Protein backbone atom coordinates (compact mmCIF):
# COMPACT_ATOMS: atom_id res chain seq x y z
CA MET A 1 180.63 -12.39 -177.77
CA SER A 2 182.77 -9.51 -178.31
CA GLU A 3 185.80 -9.13 -175.85
CA ILE A 4 185.78 -5.77 -173.63
CA SER A 5 189.49 -6.03 -172.49
CA GLU A 6 191.74 -3.31 -170.81
CA ASP A 7 195.06 -1.55 -171.50
CA PHE A 8 197.24 -3.26 -169.22
CA ASP A 9 200.30 -0.99 -169.44
CA GLU A 10 202.33 0.23 -166.88
CA GLU A 11 200.62 3.89 -167.68
CA THR A 12 197.60 2.73 -167.06
CA ALA A 13 198.21 1.28 -163.68
CA ASP A 14 199.93 4.36 -162.17
CA ARG A 15 196.87 6.32 -162.91
CA GLU A 16 194.74 4.32 -161.64
CA ASP A 17 196.88 4.39 -158.59
CA GLU A 18 196.25 8.09 -158.18
CA ARG A 19 192.81 7.81 -157.60
CA PRO A 20 191.59 7.68 -154.30
CA VAL A 21 189.82 4.12 -154.15
CA GLN A 22 189.49 2.28 -151.16
CA GLU A 23 189.98 -1.56 -151.31
CA ALA A 24 186.40 -3.17 -152.27
CA THR A 25 186.89 -6.13 -149.57
CA LYS A 26 187.80 -4.88 -146.15
CA GLY A 27 186.41 -4.70 -142.55
CA ILE A 28 183.31 -2.09 -142.21
CA ARG A 29 184.33 1.43 -143.63
CA THR A 30 182.33 4.57 -142.96
CA PHE A 31 182.08 8.13 -144.65
CA PRO A 32 181.53 11.13 -142.54
CA CYS A 33 178.81 13.48 -143.41
CA SER A 34 179.62 16.86 -145.12
CA SER A 35 177.45 18.51 -142.71
CA CYS A 36 177.92 17.18 -139.28
CA ALA A 37 180.85 14.83 -139.45
CA ALA A 38 178.81 11.55 -138.35
CA PRO A 39 179.41 8.32 -140.48
CA LEU A 40 177.27 7.99 -143.40
CA GLU A 41 174.98 4.58 -144.01
CA PHE A 42 173.62 3.08 -147.06
CA ASP A 43 170.38 3.54 -147.45
CA ALA A 44 169.28 0.41 -149.77
CA SER A 45 165.20 2.30 -150.05
CA GLN A 46 167.31 5.30 -151.59
CA ALA A 47 170.31 3.95 -153.14
CA ALA A 48 172.23 6.66 -151.62
CA LEU A 49 174.41 7.50 -148.13
CA SER A 50 171.99 8.82 -145.75
CA CYS A 51 173.19 10.53 -142.60
CA PRO A 52 171.34 8.76 -139.60
CA TYR A 53 171.79 12.39 -137.16
CA CYS A 54 170.81 15.53 -139.42
CA GLY A 55 169.11 13.49 -142.53
CA SER A 56 171.51 14.56 -145.58
CA LEU A 57 171.61 12.40 -148.43
CA GLU A 58 174.86 11.24 -150.78
CA THR A 59 174.06 10.16 -153.72
CA ILE A 60 176.14 7.54 -155.61
CA PRO A 61 176.23 7.80 -159.52
CA ALA A 62 174.83 4.29 -160.50
CA GLU A 63 176.85 3.52 -163.73
CA GLN A 64 176.10 0.31 -165.82
CA ASN A 65 179.26 0.22 -168.01
CA VAL A 66 180.44 -3.21 -166.23
CA GLN A 67 183.81 -3.83 -168.23
CA GLU A 68 185.31 -7.58 -168.39
CA LEU A 69 188.80 -8.24 -168.30
CA SER A 70 190.99 -10.42 -170.79
CA TYR A 71 191.90 -13.50 -169.18
CA GLN A 72 194.71 -14.00 -170.48
CA ALA A 73 196.10 -10.67 -170.48
CA TYR A 74 195.81 -10.58 -166.40
CA PHE A 75 198.32 -13.09 -166.41
CA ASP A 76 200.79 -11.92 -169.27
CA GLN A 77 200.46 -8.48 -168.59
CA ALA A 78 201.22 -6.52 -165.37
CA GLU A 79 198.54 -7.76 -162.64
CA SER A 80 198.94 -4.71 -161.06
CA ALA A 81 196.58 -2.99 -163.35
CA VAL A 82 193.33 -4.63 -161.66
CA ALA A 83 194.76 -5.28 -158.26
CA ARG A 84 195.52 -3.54 -155.30
CA GLU A 85 197.45 -4.01 -151.76
CA CYS A 86 195.53 -5.31 -149.07
CA LEU A 87 195.36 -6.84 -145.37
CA THR A 88 193.94 -10.17 -144.99
CA SER A 89 192.31 -11.40 -141.88
CA VAL A 90 191.40 -15.09 -141.07
CA CYS A 91 189.07 -15.45 -137.96
CA ASN A 92 190.31 -18.31 -135.80
CA GLY A 93 186.51 -19.08 -134.49
CA CYS A 94 185.12 -20.22 -137.88
CA GLY A 95 187.66 -20.00 -140.44
CA ALA A 96 186.47 -17.00 -142.62
CA ALA A 97 188.68 -14.59 -144.91
CA THR A 98 188.39 -11.11 -145.12
CA THR A 99 190.36 -8.78 -147.43
CA HIS A 100 190.47 -5.00 -145.63
CA GLY A 101 191.64 -1.56 -146.74
CA LEU A 102 195.41 -1.20 -145.71
CA ASN A 103 193.78 1.63 -143.18
CA VAL A 104 191.55 -0.64 -141.40
CA VAL A 105 193.11 -2.14 -137.77
CA ALA A 106 190.55 -3.95 -136.10
CA ALA A 107 187.55 -5.56 -137.40
CA GLU A 108 184.65 -8.43 -136.47
CA CYS A 109 184.26 -11.77 -138.24
CA ALA A 110 180.62 -11.57 -140.10
CA TYR A 111 180.19 -15.27 -140.03
CA CYS A 112 180.54 -15.36 -135.62
CA GLY A 113 181.04 -12.12 -134.57
CA ALA A 114 184.40 -13.08 -133.03
CA PRO A 115 187.22 -10.25 -133.10
CA VAL A 116 190.40 -10.98 -135.64
CA VAL A 117 193.37 -9.43 -135.63
CA LEU A 118 194.69 -8.20 -139.32
CA SER A 119 198.21 -9.67 -140.23
CA GLU A 120 200.82 -7.29 -141.02
CA LYS A 121 201.41 -9.17 -144.54
CA SER A 122 200.35 -7.37 -147.44
CA GLU A 123 199.07 -9.31 -151.19
CA ARG A 124 197.66 -8.50 -154.31
CA ARG A 125 193.73 -9.01 -154.78
CA ILE A 126 192.14 -8.74 -157.82
CA ARG A 127 189.75 -5.42 -157.28
CA PRO A 128 185.39 -5.63 -158.07
CA ARG A 129 184.24 -4.41 -161.39
CA ALA A 130 180.72 -4.44 -159.91
CA LEU A 131 178.17 -5.11 -157.77
CA LEU A 132 174.55 -5.33 -156.63
CA PRO A 133 173.83 -2.90 -154.03
CA PHE A 134 171.28 -3.96 -151.02
CA SER A 135 168.18 -3.48 -152.05
CA ILE A 136 166.40 -4.86 -148.86
CA GLU A 137 167.12 -2.68 -145.44
CA GLU A 138 167.86 -4.90 -142.33
CA PRO A 139 164.64 -4.40 -140.88
CA ALA A 140 163.10 -6.12 -143.95
CA ALA A 141 165.64 -8.69 -143.72
CA ARG A 142 164.57 -9.51 -140.09
CA ASP A 143 161.29 -10.21 -140.66
CA GLY A 144 161.97 -12.62 -144.04
CA PHE A 145 164.76 -14.38 -140.92
CA ARG A 146 161.83 -14.62 -138.16
CA SER A 147 158.98 -15.59 -141.00
CA TRP A 148 161.72 -18.74 -141.95
CA ILE A 149 162.46 -19.48 -138.58
CA ASN A 150 158.30 -19.90 -137.25
CA SER A 151 157.74 -21.92 -140.48
CA ARG A 152 160.43 -24.59 -139.24
CA TRP A 153 157.89 -26.85 -137.29
CA PHE A 154 160.70 -29.04 -136.24
CA ALA A 155 162.99 -26.75 -135.22
CA PRO A 156 163.02 -26.71 -131.25
CA ASN A 157 160.95 -23.86 -129.88
CA ALA A 158 163.67 -22.50 -127.62
CA LEU A 159 165.56 -21.95 -130.94
CA LYS A 160 163.18 -19.46 -132.16
CA SER A 161 163.63 -17.23 -129.55
CA ARG A 162 167.11 -16.87 -129.62
CA ALA A 163 167.14 -17.04 -133.28
CA ARG A 164 165.32 -13.86 -132.99
CA GLU A 165 168.07 -12.46 -130.84
CA GLY A 166 170.80 -13.55 -133.12
CA ARG A 167 172.99 -10.86 -134.93
CA ILE A 168 172.35 -9.80 -138.40
CA GLN A 169 174.83 -8.46 -140.91
CA GLY A 170 175.30 -7.18 -144.19
CA VAL A 171 178.06 -8.98 -146.23
CA TYR A 172 179.08 -8.52 -149.83
CA VAL A 173 179.71 -11.86 -150.71
CA PRO A 174 182.59 -12.32 -153.90
CA TYR A 175 182.09 -14.15 -157.30
CA LEU A 176 183.81 -14.41 -160.42
CA THR A 177 182.22 -14.47 -163.69
CA TYR A 178 183.26 -15.78 -167.21
CA ALA A 179 182.56 -15.25 -170.59
CA THR A 180 183.88 -17.03 -173.58
CA ASP A 181 183.05 -18.38 -177.30
CA THR A 182 183.73 -22.23 -177.19
CA GLU A 183 184.40 -24.12 -180.46
CA SER A 184 183.85 -28.30 -179.76
CA ASP A 185 185.48 -30.93 -182.02
CA TYR A 186 183.36 -34.11 -181.49
CA THR A 187 183.33 -37.84 -182.77
CA GLY A 188 180.18 -39.71 -181.75
CA LYS A 189 177.43 -41.80 -183.58
CA ARG A 190 173.67 -41.09 -184.80
CA GLY A 191 171.32 -43.86 -184.37
CA GLU A 192 168.06 -43.93 -186.75
CA ASP A 193 165.10 -45.77 -185.49
CA TYR A 194 163.26 -48.41 -187.53
CA TRP A 195 160.71 -51.04 -187.04
CA ASP A 196 160.93 -54.84 -187.87
CA THR A 197 158.47 -57.34 -187.97
CA GLN A 198 159.29 -60.49 -185.92
CA HIS A 199 157.43 -63.55 -186.02
CA TYR A 200 156.82 -65.98 -182.95
CA THR A 201 155.31 -68.54 -181.69
CA THR A 202 153.54 -69.04 -178.02
CA ARG A 203 151.25 -71.43 -176.24
CA VAL A 204 147.38 -70.38 -175.50
CA ASN A 205 145.34 -72.91 -173.92
CA GLY A 206 147.84 -75.76 -174.90
CA LYS A 207 148.32 -75.04 -178.11
CA THR A 208 150.71 -73.37 -180.35
CA GLN A 209 150.20 -70.63 -181.86
CA HIS A 210 152.20 -68.13 -184.68
CA ARG A 211 151.73 -64.02 -183.90
CA THR A 212 153.74 -61.37 -185.25
CA ARG A 213 154.85 -58.13 -183.42
CA ARG A 214 156.56 -54.94 -184.16
CA VAL A 215 160.21 -54.36 -182.74
CA ARG A 216 162.02 -51.12 -182.78
CA LYS A 217 165.59 -51.28 -183.97
CA THR A 218 168.32 -48.71 -184.64
CA ARG A 219 170.83 -48.57 -187.42
CA TRP A 220 173.86 -46.51 -186.06
CA TYR A 221 176.04 -44.09 -188.49
CA SER A 222 179.19 -42.55 -187.39
CA ALA A 223 179.45 -38.96 -187.05
CA ARG A 224 181.66 -36.06 -186.20
CA GLY A 225 181.41 -32.16 -186.56
CA THR A 226 182.17 -28.67 -184.54
CA VAL A 227 179.96 -26.93 -182.64
CA ARG A 228 180.27 -23.69 -181.35
CA VAL A 229 178.63 -22.34 -178.12
CA ASP A 230 179.28 -18.88 -176.43
CA PHE A 231 178.88 -18.46 -173.05
CA ASP A 232 178.24 -15.14 -170.98
CA ASP A 233 178.23 -14.06 -167.07
CA ILE A 234 178.83 -17.85 -165.79
CA LEU A 235 178.31 -17.29 -162.45
CA ILE A 236 181.03 -19.11 -159.96
CA LEU A 237 181.04 -18.85 -155.98
CA ALA A 238 184.42 -17.31 -154.94
CA ALA A 239 183.47 -17.62 -151.12
CA ARG A 240 184.56 -20.83 -149.16
CA SER A 241 183.39 -19.63 -145.43
CA LEU A 242 179.66 -21.63 -145.89
CA GLN A 243 178.33 -24.34 -148.08
CA ARG A 244 177.95 -23.28 -151.43
CA LYS A 245 174.44 -25.39 -151.24
CA TYR A 246 172.77 -22.42 -149.00
CA TYR A 247 174.25 -19.73 -151.76
CA ASP A 248 173.01 -21.75 -154.22
CA LYS A 249 169.87 -22.04 -153.51
CA LEU A 250 169.74 -17.84 -152.96
CA GLU A 251 169.46 -17.67 -157.08
CA PRO A 252 168.58 -15.88 -159.59
CA TRP A 253 170.92 -13.17 -159.17
CA ASP A 254 169.68 -10.10 -161.30
CA LEU A 255 173.25 -9.51 -162.82
CA ALA A 256 172.00 -7.52 -165.48
CA ASN A 257 171.35 -4.61 -163.27
CA LEU A 258 175.02 -4.51 -161.70
CA VAL A 259 177.04 -0.95 -161.57
CA ASP A 260 180.15 -0.05 -161.59
CA TYR A 261 182.10 -0.99 -158.59
CA ASP A 262 182.00 2.37 -156.19
CA ASP A 263 183.65 2.38 -152.50
CA ARG A 264 180.70 3.90 -151.40
CA TYR A 265 178.31 1.19 -151.56
CA LEU A 266 180.20 -0.64 -148.83
CA SER A 267 179.48 1.77 -146.23
CA GLY A 268 178.44 0.08 -143.11
CA PHE A 269 179.12 -3.71 -144.54
CA GLN A 270 181.32 -6.16 -144.76
CA ALA A 271 182.94 -8.26 -147.65
CA GLU A 272 184.26 -11.37 -147.53
CA SER A 273 187.50 -12.20 -149.06
CA TYR A 274 187.58 -14.59 -152.63
CA ALA A 275 189.03 -17.57 -151.90
CA VAL A 276 189.12 -19.31 -155.49
CA SER A 277 191.47 -18.33 -157.58
CA LEU A 278 190.97 -17.17 -161.35
CA PRO A 279 192.16 -20.44 -162.59
CA ALA A 280 190.43 -22.59 -160.49
CA GLY A 281 187.30 -20.76 -161.04
CA PHE A 282 187.47 -21.35 -164.83
CA GLU A 283 187.80 -24.92 -164.25
CA GLU A 284 184.84 -24.66 -162.23
CA ALA A 285 183.27 -22.63 -165.15
CA LYS A 286 184.02 -25.21 -167.77
CA SER A 287 182.19 -27.57 -165.61
CA GLU A 288 179.08 -25.43 -165.88
CA MET A 289 179.66 -25.58 -169.74
CA THR A 290 179.37 -28.94 -169.97
CA ALA A 291 175.92 -30.03 -170.40
CA PRO A 292 175.29 -27.14 -173.05
CA ILE A 293 177.95 -28.30 -174.98
CA GLN A 294 176.90 -31.83 -174.99
CA ALA A 295 173.25 -30.82 -175.54
CA ALA A 296 174.66 -28.98 -178.64
CA VAL A 297 176.73 -31.76 -179.94
CA ARG A 298 173.55 -33.77 -179.56
CA ARG A 299 171.37 -32.02 -181.63
CA ASP A 300 174.46 -31.33 -184.28
CA ILE A 301 174.32 -35.17 -184.49
CA GLY A 302 170.88 -35.36 -185.08
CA GLY A 303 168.50 -38.65 -185.63
CA ASP A 304 166.55 -40.49 -182.99
CA ARG A 305 169.55 -41.50 -180.60
CA GLN A 306 173.01 -39.88 -180.13
CA ARG A 307 176.21 -41.74 -178.59
CA ILE A 308 179.16 -38.94 -177.70
CA TYR A 309 182.72 -40.71 -177.82
CA SER A 310 184.73 -37.48 -177.65
CA VAL A 311 184.37 -33.93 -177.07
CA ASP A 312 187.73 -31.50 -177.65
CA THR A 313 186.82 -27.99 -176.43
CA ALA A 314 188.80 -24.63 -177.08
CA HIS A 315 187.83 -21.59 -175.67
CA HIS A 316 188.54 -18.41 -177.21
CA GLN A 317 188.02 -14.68 -175.98
CA VAL A 318 187.76 -15.77 -172.49
CA THR A 319 186.72 -12.38 -170.27
CA PHE A 320 186.13 -12.39 -166.49
CA LYS A 321 185.31 -10.04 -163.73
CA HIS A 322 185.31 -9.96 -159.96
CA ILE A 323 181.74 -8.92 -158.50
CA LEU A 324 180.09 -8.60 -155.06
CA LEU A 325 176.82 -9.80 -154.40
CA PRO A 326 174.81 -8.99 -151.27
CA VAL A 327 173.42 -11.11 -148.55
CA TRP A 328 172.22 -10.47 -144.93
CA LEU A 329 173.82 -13.03 -142.90
CA SER A 330 172.51 -13.91 -139.32
CA SER A 331 174.34 -15.80 -137.30
CA TYR A 332 173.03 -17.82 -133.91
CA ARG A 333 174.25 -20.27 -131.43
CA TYR A 334 172.27 -23.28 -130.24
CA LYS A 335 173.86 -26.14 -127.73
CA ASP A 336 177.36 -24.63 -129.06
CA ARG A 337 176.83 -25.39 -132.13
CA LEU A 338 176.87 -22.17 -134.85
CA TYR A 339 174.17 -21.80 -137.26
CA HIS A 340 173.91 -19.56 -140.26
CA VAL A 341 171.01 -17.83 -142.20
CA LEU A 342 171.49 -16.28 -145.60
CA ILE A 343 168.96 -13.61 -147.43
CA ASN A 344 169.13 -12.58 -151.02
CA ALA A 345 169.70 -8.54 -150.35
CA ARG A 346 168.03 -8.35 -153.49
CA THR A 347 164.95 -10.92 -153.52
CA GLY A 348 164.57 -11.43 -149.59
CA GLU A 349 165.27 -15.17 -150.49
CA VAL A 350 165.68 -16.79 -146.99
CA GLN A 351 168.14 -19.98 -146.47
CA GLY A 352 170.15 -21.35 -144.01
CA GLU A 353 170.67 -24.18 -141.51
CA ARG A 354 168.56 -24.94 -138.10
CA PRO A 355 168.77 -27.86 -135.53
CA TRP A 356 166.14 -30.39 -135.79
CA SER A 357 163.97 -31.11 -132.01
CA THR A 358 163.99 -34.90 -131.52
CA TRP A 359 161.16 -34.81 -129.16
CA LYS A 360 158.52 -33.36 -132.00
CA ILE A 361 160.03 -35.92 -134.49
CA THR A 362 159.26 -38.67 -132.11
CA PHE A 363 155.63 -37.22 -131.42
CA LEU A 364 155.11 -37.00 -135.05
CA VAL A 365 156.22 -40.81 -135.54
CA LEU A 366 154.02 -41.73 -132.15
CA ALA A 367 151.09 -39.71 -133.69
CA VAL A 368 151.37 -41.50 -137.25
CA LEU A 369 151.34 -44.65 -135.46
CA ALA A 370 148.20 -44.01 -133.09
CA VAL A 371 146.46 -43.43 -136.38
CA ILE A 372 147.58 -46.46 -138.19
CA ALA A 373 146.38 -48.39 -134.99
CA VAL A 374 143.23 -46.91 -134.98
CA ILE A 375 142.32 -47.44 -138.80
CA ALA A 376 143.57 -50.70 -138.16
CA LEU A 377 141.34 -51.51 -135.16
CA LEU A 378 138.48 -49.75 -137.13
CA ASN A 379 138.66 -51.84 -139.88
CA SER A 380 139.03 -55.53 -137.98
CA ALA A 381 135.64 -54.13 -136.10
CA GLY A 382 134.13 -53.76 -139.68
CA ARG A 383 134.42 -57.39 -140.62
């Protein structure tokens, strides 16, 4: 794996500061139409900014020159080269954290709809390097949401009507990706099977008989060695506002179609702030590497069976990037509890939470018991 790193000197940082680039993670930001000054909106069907009043289009160059950053250089040199000043807010209702540009003064939580107050304290955040633009428009996302709700047979009937009226918001979810070359020294044992003939006696009809049987045994040999495994784009969720299992079920993501980050892709959307630090994310990535490395060790040991005693892994040329992935998020309340449904804005995959109807489950159990009783009655009558 070749490493692409940036020059983190002060001159580079100064040049980047001169560019009129807004924060990636922010409250909803709009861009004025050059013809009528109305707010432009991102049109997923055309991958461009569109004016809902005069129909003007502003194309966004989709450049696929996504560069990764050196993990070690981020800590050793000027962190400001990959960071920006920003404001943060934490929703008092659900605790979701959002990062905003310095020019944003008010926002609304995408997860529960509550208004949030921006902190006056600014901090430096890692800027996104790339994103996947929304390709599924809101009407299609709503249709997918309705189909998902209607297919939940055990959901309360009242839920379906309330859920259809729920709000839906486009949100960019933060992720970190890691790439690294690994070199793992291991110790273990290689097992080679062989078959042995055993003689034994048994009694058949009161008589003792001598018999033989084939028994598989294993000879074990010490093994040690080194394996090398390269990893690219290990995807780590950097959001903590909702349970990870729902985000995981939205996969796979077409990361091959990542484009360079451009502020205009965020027009009309929100972006959640990442809540996982760069080192913490790398520790999660290491956990994702464990199984592939152990599989490589077992292949290297060979034989019919393997035992692994120790694995010492070194990581070389570690790089990372902060990316944003698009999700349609629908939030609705049922009996004073907030539920969320997530829709992959690239594939349409729907995952989420829903309440269960007690009376429907009870009715099903009673119906099953009734069927069993009828079958038992018919069987007893036929005897």
